[in-house]
Amino acid sequence: MSDPSAAPPPSPAPPTGPAPVPPPTRGLGWFLTISGAIVVLLTLGCVIAVSEGNSEDFAMGLVCGSPTFALGGLFLWLGTRRLKR
């Protein structure tokens, strides 16, 4: 008769959990952050250059440039959120 303690151990059960998720890439986050900063800085530079120190022109430049400021701010916000993950 054979010795029962010499029998090979049973094979391990296959993993049943979800597949491992690869870590997210940070490329899109950096792209959004850098492009948002560039848009905000260029818009602010254009508003300052057009106003030439006149406060009324500066206020009008801010009003006209507000959609661009909002877009740059949105890119900055999305990029920093994505980089924090």
PDB file of N, CA and C in Angstrom:
ATOM      1  N   MET A   1       0.821  -1.192   0.000  1.00  0.00           N
ATOM      2  CA  MET A   1       0.000   0.000   0.000  1.00  0.00           C
ATOM      3  C   MET A   1       0.857   1.244   0.000  1.00  0.00           C
ATOM      4  N   SER A   2       0.320   2.292  -0.549  1.00  0.00           N
ATOM      5  CA  SER A   2       1.075   3.541  -0.601  1.00  0.00           C
ATOM      6  C   SER A   2       0.780   4.383   0.639  1.00  0.00           C
ATOM      7  N   ASP A   3       1.714   5.230   0.942  1.00  0.00           N
ATOM      8  CA  ASP A   3       1.598   6.103   2.113  1.00  0.00           C
ATOM      9  C   ASP A   3       0.735   7.311   1.744  1.00  0.00           C
ATOM     10  N   PRO A   4      -0.376   7.618   2.467  1.00  0.00           N
ATOM     11  CA  PRO A   4      -1.219   8.763   2.094  1.00  0.00           C
ATOM     12  C   PRO A   4      -0.521  10.105   2.297  1.00  0.00           C
ATOM     13  N   SER A   5       0.474  10.187   3.134  1.00  0.00           N
ATOM     14  CA  SER A   5       1.152  11.467   3.343  1.00  0.00           C
ATOM     15  C   SER A   5       2.075  11.798   2.172  1.00  0.00           C
ATOM     16  N   ALA A   6       2.417  10.847   1.325  1.00  0.00           N
ATOM     17  CA  ALA A   6       3.294  11.089   0.193  1.00  0.00           C
ATOM     18  C   ALA A   6       2.517  11.540  -1.047  1.00  0.00           C
ATOM     19  N   ALA A   7       1.215  11.645  -0.955  1.00  0.00           N
ATOM     20  CA  ALA A   7       0.413  12.070  -2.103  1.00  0.00           C
ATOM     21  C   ALA A   7       0.705  13.544  -2.405  1.00  0.00           C
ATOM     22  N   PRO A   8       0.706  13.922  -3.688  1.00  0.00           N
ATOM     23  CA  PRO A   8       0.975  15.326  -4.039  1.00  0.00           C
ATOM     24  C   PRO A   8      -0.157  16.227  -3.534  1.00  0.00           C
ATOM     25  N   PRO A   9       0.191  17.465  -3.166  1.00  0.00           N
ATOM     26  CA  PRO A   9      -0.845  18.376  -2.680  1.00  0.00           C
ATOM     27  C   PRO A   9      -1.803  18.757  -3.815  1.00  0.00           C
ATOM     28  N   PRO A  10      -3.040  19.089  -3.478  1.00  0.00           N
ATOM     29  CA  PRO A  10      -3.987  19.469  -4.537  1.00  0.00           C
ATOM     30  C   PRO A  10      -3.543  20.770  -5.198  1.00  0.00           C
ATOM     31  N   SER A  11      -3.887  20.919  -6.460  1.00  0.00           N
ATOM     32  CA  SER A  11      -3.503  22.129  -7.196  1.00  0.00           C
ATOM     33  C   SER A  11      -4.282  23.335  -6.646  1.00  0.00           C
ATOM     34  N   PRO A  12      -3.652  24.504  -6.635  1.00  0.00           N
ATOM     35  CA  PRO A  12      -4.339  25.686  -6.100  1.00  0.00           C
ATOM     36  C   PRO A  12      -5.514  26.088  -6.987  1.00  0.00           C
ATOM     37  N   ALA A  13      -6.515  26.645  -6.355  1.00  0.00           N
ATOM     38  CA  ALA A  13      -7.702  27.075  -7.090  1.00  0.00           C
ATOM     39  C   ALA A  13      -7.364  28.308  -7.940  1.00  0.00           C
ATOM     40  N   PRO A  14      -7.955  28.401  -9.117  1.00  0.00           N
ATOM     41  CA  PRO A  14      -7.685  29.570  -9.958  1.00  0.00           C
ATOM     42  C   PRO A  14      -8.268  30.841  -9.299  1.00  0.00           C
ATOM     43  N   PRO A  15      -7.628  31.978  -9.535  1.00  0.00           N
ATOM     44  CA  PRO A  15      -8.145  33.214  -8.927  1.00  0.00           C
ATOM     45  C   PRO A  15      -9.538  33.534  -9.474  1.00  0.00           C
ATOM     46  N   THR A  16     -10.427  33.906  -8.582  1.00  0.00           N
ATOM     47  CA  THR A  16     -11.799  34.179  -9.007  1.00  0.00           C
ATOM     48  C   THR A  16     -12.146  35.658  -8.895  1.00  0.00           C
ATOM     49  N   GLY A  17     -11.246  36.477  -8.363  1.00  0.00           N
ATOM     50  CA  GLY A  17     -11.522  37.908  -8.201  1.00  0.00           C
ATOM     51  C   GLY A  17     -11.398  38.645  -9.523  1.00  0.00           C
ATOM     52  N   PRO A  18     -11.665  39.930  -9.494  1.00  0.00           N
ATOM     53  CA  PRO A  18     -11.544  40.717 -10.726  1.00  0.00           C
ATOM     54  C   PRO A  18     -10.082  40.823 -11.152  1.00  0.00           C
ATOM     55  N   ALA A  19      -9.894  41.006 -12.425  1.00  0.00           N
ATOM     56  CA  ALA A  19      -8.544  41.139 -12.961  1.00  0.00           C
ATOM     57  C   ALA A  19      -7.906  42.412 -12.420  1.00  0.00           C
ATOM     58  N   PRO A  20      -6.607  42.407 -12.168  1.00  0.00           N
ATOM     59  CA  PRO A  20      -5.965  43.615 -11.655  1.00  0.00           C
ATOM     60  C   PRO A  20      -6.046  44.756 -12.669  1.00  0.00           C
ATOM     61  N   VAL A  21      -6.319  45.932 -12.158  1.00  0.00           N
ATOM     62  CA  VAL A  21      -6.463  47.111 -13.008  1.00  0.00           C
ATOM     63  C   VAL A  21      -5.099  47.781 -13.128  1.00  0.00           C
ATOM     64  N   PRO A  22      -4.656  48.080 -14.354  1.00  0.00           N
ATOM     65  CA  PRO A  22      -3.362  48.753 -14.488  1.00  0.00           C
ATOM     66  C   PRO A  22      -3.454  50.180 -13.942  1.00  0.00           C
ATOM     67  N   PRO A  23      -2.356  50.712 -13.420  1.00  0.00           N
ATOM     68  CA  PRO A  23      -2.407  52.065 -12.876  1.00  0.00           C
ATOM     69  C   PRO A  23      -2.701  53.077 -13.984  1.00  0.00           C
ATOM     70  N   PRO A  24      -3.442  54.137 -13.663  1.00  0.00           N
ATOM     71  CA  PRO A  24      -3.783  55.119 -14.696  1.00  0.00           C
ATOM     72  C   PRO A  24      -2.531  55.886 -15.136  1.00  0.00           C
ATOM     73  N   THR A  25      -2.526  56.251 -16.392  1.00  0.00           N
ATOM     74  CA  THR A  25      -1.414  57.048 -16.890  1.00  0.00           C
ATOM     75  C   THR A  25      -1.646  58.505 -16.539  1.00  0.00           C
ATOM     76  N   ARG A  26      -0.590  59.231 -16.354  1.00  0.00           N
ATOM     77  CA  ARG A  26      -0.679  60.625 -15.944  1.00  0.00           C
ATOM     78  C   ARG A  26      -0.530  61.584 -17.127  1.00  0.00           C
ATOM     79  N   GLY A  27      -0.387  61.062 -18.328  1.00  0.00           N
ATOM     80  CA  GLY A  27      -0.145  61.905 -19.497  1.00  0.00           C
ATOM     81  C   GLY A  27      -1.250  62.908 -19.753  1.00  0.00           C
ATOM     82  N   LEU A  28      -2.493  62.465 -19.685  1.00  0.00           N
ATOM     83  CA  LEU A  28      -3.607  63.367 -19.943  1.00  0.00           C
ATOM     84  C   LEU A  28      -3.706  64.444 -18.864  1.00  0.00           C
ATOM     85  N   GLY A  29      -3.433  64.080 -17.623  1.00  0.00           N
ATOM     86  CA  GLY A  29      -3.466  65.061 -16.537  1.00  0.00           C
ATOM     87  C   GLY A  29      -2.429  66.153 -16.734  1.00  0.00           C
ATOM     88  N   TRP A  30      -1.209  65.742 -17.114  1.00  0.00           N
ATOM     89  CA  TRP A  30      -0.172  66.750 -17.356  1.00  0.00           C
ATOM     90  C   TRP A  30      -0.522  67.612 -18.555  1.00  0.00           C
ATOM     91  N   PHE A  31      -1.068  67.007 -19.601  1.00  0.00           N
ATOM     92  CA  PHE A  31      -1.451  67.784 -20.783  1.00  0.00           C
ATOM     93  C   PHE A  31      -2.499  68.838 -20.428  1.00  0.00           C
ATOM     94  N   LEU A  32      -3.526  68.438 -19.691  1.00  0.00           N
ATOM     95  CA  LEU A  32      -4.578  69.389 -19.323  1.00  0.00           C
ATOM     96  C   LEU A  32      -4.042  70.495 -18.415  1.00  0.00           C
ATOM     97  N   THR A  33      -3.196  70.139 -17.470  1.00  0.00           N
ATOM     98  CA  THR A  33      -2.656  71.131 -16.543  1.00  0.00           C
ATOM     99  C   THR A  33      -1.776  72.143 -17.262  1.00  0.00           C
ATOM    100  N   ILE A  34      -0.874  71.663 -18.089  1.00  0.00           N
ATOM    101  CA  ILE A  34       0.042  72.569 -18.778  1.00  0.00           C
ATOM    102  C   ILE A  34      -0.700  73.426 -19.798  1.00  0.00           C
ATOM    103  N   SER A  35      -1.603  72.838 -20.564  1.00  0.00           N
ATOM    104  CA  SER A  35      -2.333  73.622 -21.556  1.00  0.00           C
ATOM    105  C   SER A  35      -3.268  74.627 -20.880  1.00  0.00           C
ATOM    106  N   GLY A  36      -3.864  74.269 -19.758  1.00  0.00           N
ATOM    107  CA  GLY A  36      -4.704  75.214 -19.029  1.00  0.00           C
ATOM    108  C   GLY A  36      -3.906  76.393 -18.506  1.00  0.00           C
ATOM    109  N   ALA A  37      -2.719  76.123 -17.975  1.00  0.00           N
ATOM    110  CA  ALA A  37      -1.864  77.208 -17.486  1.00  0.00           C
ATOM    111  C   ALA A  37      -1.433  78.123 -18.628  1.00  0.00           C
ATOM    112  N   ILE A  38      -1.115  77.550 -19.768  1.00  0.00           N
ATOM    113  CA  ILE A  38      -0.715  78.358 -20.924  1.00  0.00           C
ATOM    114  C   ILE A  38      -1.873  79.228 -21.387  1.00  0.00           C
ATOM    115  N   VAL A  39      -3.072  78.676 -21.465  1.00  0.00           N
ATOM    116  CA  VAL A  39      -4.235  79.447 -21.909  1.00  0.00           C
ATOM    117  C   VAL A  39      -4.518  80.606 -20.952  1.00  0.00           C
ATOM    118  N   VAL A  40      -4.468  80.338 -19.643  1.00  0.00           N
ATOM    119  CA  VAL A  40      -4.736  81.395 -18.664  1.00  0.00           C
ATOM    120  C   VAL A  40      -3.668  82.488 -18.749  1.00  0.00           C
ATOM    121  N   LEU A  41      -2.405  82.102 -18.812  1.00  0.00           N
ATOM    122  CA  LEU A  41      -1.337  83.102 -18.866  1.00  0.00           C
ATOM    123  C   LEU A  41      -1.365  83.921 -20.155  1.00  0.00           C
ATOM    124  N   LEU A  42      -1.602  83.269 -21.285  1.00  0.00           N
ATOM    125  CA  LEU A  42      -1.669  84.016 -22.545  1.00  0.00           C
ATOM    126  C   LEU A  42      -2.874  84.951 -22.580  1.00  0.00           C
ATOM    127  N   THR A  43      -3.989  84.524 -22.055  1.00  0.00           N
ATOM    128  CA  THR A  43      -5.171  85.383 -22.026  1.00  0.00           C
ATOM    129  C   THR A  43      -4.931  86.586 -21.127  1.00  0.00           C
ATOM    130  N   LEU A  44      -4.351  86.353 -19.967  1.00  0.00           N
ATOM    131  CA  LEU A  44      -4.045  87.461 -19.069  1.00  0.00           C
ATOM    132  C   LEU A  44      -3.041  88.413 -19.710  1.00  0.00           C
ATOM    133  N   GLY A  45      -2.044  87.889 -20.389  1.00  0.00           N
ATOM    134  CA  GLY A  45      -1.075  88.738 -21.090  1.00  0.00           C
ATOM    135  C   GLY A  45      -1.715  89.563 -22.182  1.00  0.00           C
ATOM    136  N   CYS A  46      -2.635  88.965 -22.926  1.00  0.00           N
ATOM    137  CA  CYS A  46      -3.323  89.711 -23.984  1.00  0.00           C
ATOM    138  C   CYS A  46      -4.207  90.812 -23.396  1.00  0.00           C
ATOM    139  N   VAL A  47      -4.894  90.517 -22.311  1.00  0.00           N
ATOM    140  CA  VAL A  47      -5.759  91.525 -21.678  1.00  0.00           C
ATOM    141  C   VAL A  47      -4.919  92.692 -21.173  1.00  0.00           C
ATOM    142  N   ILE A  48      -3.788  92.404 -20.568  1.00  0.00           N
ATOM    143  CA  ILE A  48      -2.908  93.471 -20.069  1.00  0.00           C
ATOM    144  C   ILE A  48      -2.313  94.266 -21.226  1.00  0.00           C
ATOM    145  N   ALA A  49      -1.917  93.593 -22.297  1.00  0.00           N
ATOM    146  CA  ALA A  49      -1.329  94.287 -23.441  1.00  0.00           C
ATOM    147  C   ALA A  49      -2.340  95.184 -24.138  1.00  0.00           C
ATOM    148  N   VAL A  50      -3.570  94.748 -24.252  1.00  0.00           N
ATOM    149  CA  VAL A  50      -4.591  95.541 -24.943  1.00  0.00           C
ATOM    150  C   VAL A  50      -5.027  96.728 -24.091  1.00  0.00           C
ATOM    151  N   SER A  51      -5.077  96.560 -22.781  1.00  0.00           N
ATOM    152  CA  SER A  51      -5.577  97.632 -21.918  1.00  0.00           C
ATOM    153  C   SER A  51      -4.595  98.779 -21.775  1.00  0.00           C
ATOM    154  N   GLU A  52      -3.293  98.514 -21.885  1.00  0.00           N
ATOM    155  CA  GLU A  52      -2.245  99.529 -21.789  1.00  0.00           C
ATOM    156  C   GLU A  52      -2.376 100.376 -20.534  1.00  0.00           C
ATOM    157  N   GLY A  53      -2.795  99.790 -19.425  1.00  0.00           N
ATOM    158  CA  GLY A  53      -2.876 100.500 -18.153  1.00  0.00           C
ATOM    159  C   GLY A  53      -4.182 101.247 -17.921  1.00  0.00           C
ATOM    160  N   ASN A  54      -5.073 101.241 -18.873  1.00  0.00           N
ATOM    161  CA  ASN A  54      -6.365 101.906 -18.713  1.00  0.00           C
ATOM    162  C   ASN A  54      -7.312 100.946 -17.994  1.00  0.00           C
ATOM    163  N   SER A  55      -7.865 101.386 -16.874  1.00  0.00           N
ATOM    164  CA  SER A  55      -8.689 100.473 -16.067  1.00  0.00           C
ATOM    165  C   SER A  55      -9.988 100.097 -16.775  1.00  0.00           C
ATOM    166  N   GLU A  56     -10.562 101.019 -17.568  1.00  0.00           N
ATOM    167  CA  GLU A  56     -11.799 100.672 -18.285  1.00  0.00           C
ATOM    168  C   GLU A  56     -11.532  99.608 -19.346  1.00  0.00           C
ATOM    169  N   ASP A  57     -10.427  99.757 -20.061  1.00  0.00           N
ATOM    170  CA  ASP A  57     -10.082  98.760 -21.079  1.00  0.00           C
ATOM    171  C   ASP A  57      -9.732  97.419 -20.446  1.00  0.00           C
ATOM    172  N   PHE A  58      -9.100  97.475 -19.263  1.00  0.00           N
ATOM    173  CA  PHE A  58      -8.766  96.235 -18.569  1.00  0.00           C
ATOM    174  C   PHE A  58     -10.034  95.500 -18.153  1.00  0.00           C
ATOM    175  N   ALA A  59     -11.027  96.233 -17.646  1.00  0.00           N
ATOM    176  CA  ALA A  59     -12.295  95.607 -17.253  1.00  0.00           C
ATOM    177  C   ALA A  59     -13.003  95.017 -18.473  1.00  0.00           C
ATOM    178  N   MET A  60     -12.976  95.739 -19.576  1.00  0.00           N
ATOM    179  CA  MET A  60     -13.612  95.224 -20.797  1.00  0.00           C
ATOM    180  C   MET A  60     -12.852  93.997 -21.310  1.00  0.00           C
ATOM    181  N   GLY A  61     -11.542  94.010 -21.194  1.00  0.00           N
ATOM    182  CA  GLY A  61     -10.753  92.849 -21.604  1.00  0.00           C
ATOM    183  C   GLY A  61     -11.050  91.631 -20.749  1.00  0.00           C
ATOM    184  N   LEU A  62     -11.253  91.849 -19.449  1.00  0.00           N
ATOM    185  CA  LEU A  62     -11.621  90.724 -18.579  1.00  0.00           C
ATOM    186  C   LEU A  62     -12.990  90.164 -18.938  1.00  0.00           C
ATOM    187  N   VAL A  63     -13.920  91.063 -19.257  1.00  0.00           N
ATOM    188  CA  VAL A  63     -15.265  90.603 -19.634  1.00  0.00           C
ATOM    189  C   VAL A  63     -15.204  89.822 -20.947  1.00  0.00           C
ATOM    190  N   CYS A  64     -14.479  90.361 -21.918  1.00  0.00           N
ATOM    191  CA  CYS A  64     -14.391  89.675 -23.219  1.00  0.00           C
ATOM    192  C   CYS A  64     -13.542  88.405 -23.138  1.00  0.00           C
ATOM    193  N   GLY A  65     -12.558  88.375 -22.243  1.00  0.00           N
ATOM    194  CA  GLY A  65     -11.693  87.212 -22.130  1.00  0.00           C
ATOM    195  C   GLY A  65     -12.174  86.183 -21.132  1.00  0.00           C
ATOM    196  N   SER A  66     -13.312  86.444 -20.492  1.00  0.00           N
ATOM    197  CA  SER A  66     -13.772  85.524 -19.450  1.00  0.00           C
ATOM    198  C   SER A  66     -14.064  84.108 -19.974  1.00  0.00           C
ATOM    199  N   PRO A  67     -14.593  83.925 -21.183  1.00  0.00           N
ATOM    200  CA  PRO A  67     -14.762  82.533 -21.648  1.00  0.00           C
ATOM    201  C   PRO A  67     -13.429  81.798 -21.780  1.00  0.00           C
ATOM    202  N   THR A  68     -12.399  82.506 -22.215  1.00  0.00           N
ATOM    203  CA  THR A  68     -11.090  81.877 -22.349  1.00  0.00           C
ATOM    204  C   THR A  68     -10.491  81.589 -20.981  1.00  0.00           C
ATOM    205  N   PHE A  69     -10.676  82.526 -20.036  1.00  0.00           N
ATOM    206  CA  PHE A  69     -10.223  82.269 -18.671  1.00  0.00           C
ATOM    207  C   PHE A  69     -10.942  81.049 -18.086  1.00  0.00           C
ATOM    208  N   ALA A  70     -12.236  80.968 -18.353  1.00  0.00           N
ATOM    209  CA  ALA A  70     -13.007  79.832 -17.827  1.00  0.00           C
ATOM    210  C   ALA A  70     -12.517  78.514 -18.435  1.00  0.00           C
ATOM    211  N   LEU A  71     -12.218  78.515 -19.725  1.00  0.00           N
ATOM    212  CA  LEU A  71     -11.718  77.301 -20.376  1.00  0.00           C
ATOM    213  C   LEU A  71     -10.357  76.900 -19.808  1.00  0.00           C
ATOM    214  N   GLY A  72      -9.471  77.872 -19.639  1.00  0.00           N
ATOM    215  CA  GLY A  72      -8.165  77.573 -19.056  1.00  0.00           C
ATOM    216  C   GLY A  72      -8.286  77.081 -17.625  1.00  0.00           C
ATOM    217  N   GLY A  73      -9.189  77.700 -16.855  1.00  0.00           N
ATOM    218  CA  GLY A  73      -9.412  77.255 -15.488  1.00  0.00           C
ATOM    219  C   GLY A  73      -9.987  75.848 -15.434  1.00  0.00           C
ATOM    220  N   LEU A  74     -10.875  75.545 -16.357  1.00  0.00           N
ATOM    221  CA  LEU A  74     -11.446  74.197 -16.428  1.00  0.00           C
ATOM    222  C   LEU A  74     -10.364  73.170 -16.734  1.00  0.00           C
ATOM    223  N   PHE A  75      -9.491  73.488 -17.690  1.00  0.00           N
ATOM    224  CA  PHE A  75      -8.388  72.572 -18.016  1.00  0.00           C
ATOM    225  C   PHE A  75      -7.478  72.383 -16.812  1.00  0.00           C
ATOM    226  N   LEU A  76      -7.155  73.471 -16.114  1.00  0.00           N
ATOM    227  CA  LEU A  76      -6.312  73.365 -14.919  1.00  0.00           C
ATOM    228  C   LEU A  76      -6.970  72.488 -13.860  1.00  0.00           C
ATOM    229  N   TRP A  77      -8.247  72.707 -13.625  1.00  0.00           N
ATOM    230  CA  TRP A  77      -8.972  71.940 -12.611  1.00  0.00           C
ATOM    231  C   TRP A  77      -9.021  70.458 -12.961  1.00  0.00           C
ATOM    232  N   LEU A  78      -9.367  70.167 -14.218  1.00  0.00           N
ATOM    233  CA  LEU A  78      -9.434  68.761 -14.636  1.00  0.00           C
ATOM    234  C   LEU A  78      -8.068  68.090 -14.575  1.00  0.00           C
ATOM    235  N   GLY A  79      -7.038  68.815 -14.987  1.00  0.00           N
ATOM    236  CA  GLY A  79      -5.698  68.241 -14.967  1.00  0.00           C
ATOM    237  C   GLY A  79      -5.206  67.954 -13.563  1.00  0.00           C
ATOM    238  N   THR A  80      -5.428  68.890 -12.641  1.00  0.00           N
ATOM    239  CA  THR A  80      -4.967  68.664 -11.272  1.00  0.00           C
ATOM    240  C   THR A  80      -5.767  67.550 -10.596  1.00  0.00           C
ATOM    241  N   ARG A  81      -7.057  67.466 -10.901  1.00  0.00           N
ATOM    242  CA  ARG A  81      -7.854  66.352 -10.336  1.00  0.00           C
ATOM    243  C   ARG A  81      -7.346  65.021 -10.835  1.00  0.00           C
ATOM    244  N   ARG A  82      -7.004  64.973 -12.115  1.00  0.00           N
ATOM    245  CA  ARG A  82      -6.536  63.713 -12.697  1.00  0.00           C
ATOM    246  C   ARG A  82      -5.158  63.329 -12.158  1.00  0.00           C
ATOM    247  N   LEU A  83      -4.317  64.330 -11.861  1.00  0.00           N
ATOM    248  CA  LEU A  83      -2.992  64.040 -11.331  1.00  0.00           C
ATOM    249  C   LEU A  83      -3.055  63.593  -9.871  1.00  0.00           C
ATOM    250  N   LYS A  84      -4.089  63.975  -9.144  1.00  0.00           N
ATOM    251  CA  LYS A  84      -4.206  63.600  -7.733  1.00  0.00           C
ATOM    252  C   LYS A  84      -4.592  62.135  -7.552  1.00  0.00           C
ATOM    253  N   ARG A  85      -5.125  61.504  -8.569  1.00  0.00           N
ATOM    254  CA  ARG A  85      -5.561  60.100  -8.449  1.00  0.00           C
ATOM    255  C   ARG A  85      -4.399  59.172  -8.267  1.00  0.00           C
TER     256      ARG A  85
END
